[in-house]
């Protein structure tokens, strides 16, 4: 008797704690991110997350 093919259910998108969405940013900002990406060997996405987290933790509302 052959063993059954077991296909595990895949997590739905977003269940990894991340959410995908689009933003518009200036071309000069993209260029700066790309430069930083090359310098640090990190993806643009990873850098955006690092920078946003820092900004959220260090911003002040007046």
C-alpha atoms as a PDB file:
ATOM      1  CA  UNK A   1       0.000   0.000   0.000  1.00  0.00           C
ATOM      2  CA  UNK A   2       1.336   3.435  -0.981  1.00  0.00           C
ATOM      3  CA  UNK A   3       1.794   6.096   1.645  1.00  0.00           C
ATOM      4  CA  UNK A   4      -0.599   9.032   1.308  1.00  0.00           C
ATOM      5  CA  UNK A   5       0.658  12.378   0.082  1.00  0.00           C
ATOM      6  CA  UNK A   6       0.379  14.757   3.025  1.00  0.00           C
ATOM      7  CA  UNK A   7       0.069  18.428   2.177  1.00  0.00           C
ATOM      8  CA  UNK A   8       0.305  20.729   5.144  1.00  0.00           C
ATOM      9  CA  UNK A   9      -1.854  23.824   5.299  1.00  0.00           C
ATOM     10  CA  UNK A  10       0.121  26.951   4.505  1.00  0.00           C
ATOM     11  CA  UNK A  11      -0.166  29.929   6.853  1.00  0.00           C
ATOM     12  CA  UNK A  12      -2.161  32.765   5.401  1.00  0.00           C
ATOM     13  CA  UNK A  13      -0.270  35.850   4.383  1.00  0.00           C
ATOM     14  CA  UNK A  14       0.211  38.223   7.284  1.00  0.00           C
ATOM     15  CA  UNK A  15       0.223  35.542   9.966  1.00  0.00           C
ATOM     16  CA  UNK A  16       4.001  35.893  10.324  1.00  0.00           C
ATOM     17  CA  UNK A  17       3.552  39.222  12.086  1.00  0.00           C
ATOM     18  CA  UNK A  18       4.172  41.278   8.953  1.00  0.00           C
ATOM     19  CA  UNK A  19       1.751  43.155   6.745  1.00  0.00           C
ATOM     20  CA  UNK A  20       2.347  44.113   3.135  1.00  0.00           C
ATOM     21  CA  UNK A  21       1.269  47.478   1.793  1.00  0.00           C
ATOM     22  CA  UNK A  22       2.421  50.075  -0.725  1.00  0.00           C
ATOM     23  CA  UNK A  23       3.795  53.528  -0.080  1.00  0.00           C
ATOM     24  CA  UNK A  24       4.932  56.380  -2.284  1.00  0.00           C
ATOM     25  CA  UNK A  25       8.346  57.858  -1.528  1.00  0.00           C
ATOM     26  CA  UNK A  26      10.598  60.306  -3.310  1.00  0.00           C
ATOM     27  CA  UNK A  27      13.138  58.936  -5.757  1.00  0.00           C
ATOM     28  CA  UNK A  28      15.967  60.499  -3.740  1.00  0.00           C
ATOM     29  CA  UNK A  29      14.815  58.504  -0.693  1.00  0.00           C
ATOM     30  CA  UNK A  30      14.844  55.291  -2.726  1.00  0.00           C
ATOM     31  CA  UNK A  31      18.350  56.125  -3.927  1.00  0.00           C
ATOM     32  CA  UNK A  32      19.510  56.721  -0.353  1.00  0.00           C
ATOM     33  CA  UNK A  33      17.949  53.416   0.751  1.00  0.00           C
ATOM     34  CA  UNK A  34      19.598  51.580  -2.140  1.00  0.00           C
ATOM     35  CA  UNK A  35      22.976  53.103  -1.233  1.00  0.00           C
ATOM     36  CA  UNK A  36      22.536  52.113   2.418  1.00  0.00           C
ATOM     37  CA  UNK A  37      21.451  48.653   1.288  1.00  0.00           C
ATOM     38  CA  UNK A  38      24.653  48.160  -0.690  1.00  0.00           C
ATOM     39  CA  UNK A  39      26.810  49.502   2.144  1.00  0.00           C
ATOM     40  CA  UNK A  40      25.250  47.249   4.801  1.00  0.00           C
ATOM     41  CA  UNK A  41      24.419  44.143   2.719  1.00  0.00           C
ATOM     42  CA  UNK A  42      20.831  44.371   3.971  1.00  0.00           C
ATOM     43  CA  UNK A  43      17.678  44.408   1.879  1.00  0.00           C
ATOM     44  CA  UNK A  44      15.754  47.621   1.349  1.00  0.00           C
ATOM     45  CA  UNK A  45      12.828  46.044   3.190  1.00  0.00           C
ATOM     46  CA  UNK A  46      14.979  45.146   6.188  1.00  0.00           C
ATOM     47  CA  UNK A  47      16.399  48.665   6.361  1.00  0.00           C
ATOM     48  CA  UNK A  48      12.952  50.261   6.153  1.00  0.00           C
ATOM     49  CA  UNK A  49      11.822  48.117   9.080  1.00  0.00           C
ATOM     50  CA  UNK A  50      14.912  49.060  11.127  1.00  0.00           C
ATOM     51  CA  UNK A  51      14.538  52.761  10.365  1.00  0.00           C
ATOM     52  CA  UNK A  52      10.783  52.843  11.013  1.00  0.00           C
ATOM     53  CA  UNK A  53      11.144  50.993  14.312  1.00  0.00           C
ATOM     54  CA  UNK A  54      13.846  53.435  15.423  1.00  0.00           C
ATOM     55  CA  UNK A  55      11.728  56.437  14.409  1.00  0.00           C
ATOM     56  CA  UNK A  56       8.656  55.110  16.211  1.00  0.00           C
ATOM     57  CA  UNK A  57      10.632  54.503  19.405  1.00  0.00           C
ATOM     58  CA  UNK A  58      12.346  57.893  19.314  1.00  0.00           C
ATOM     59  CA  UNK A  59       9.737  60.338  18.053  1.00  0.00           C
ATOM     60  CA  UNK A  60       8.169  63.030  20.211  1.00  0.00           C
ATOM     61  CA  UNK A  61       4.778  64.602  19.688  1.00  0.00           C
ATOM     62  CA  UNK A  62       4.498  68.321  20.405  1.00  0.00           C
END
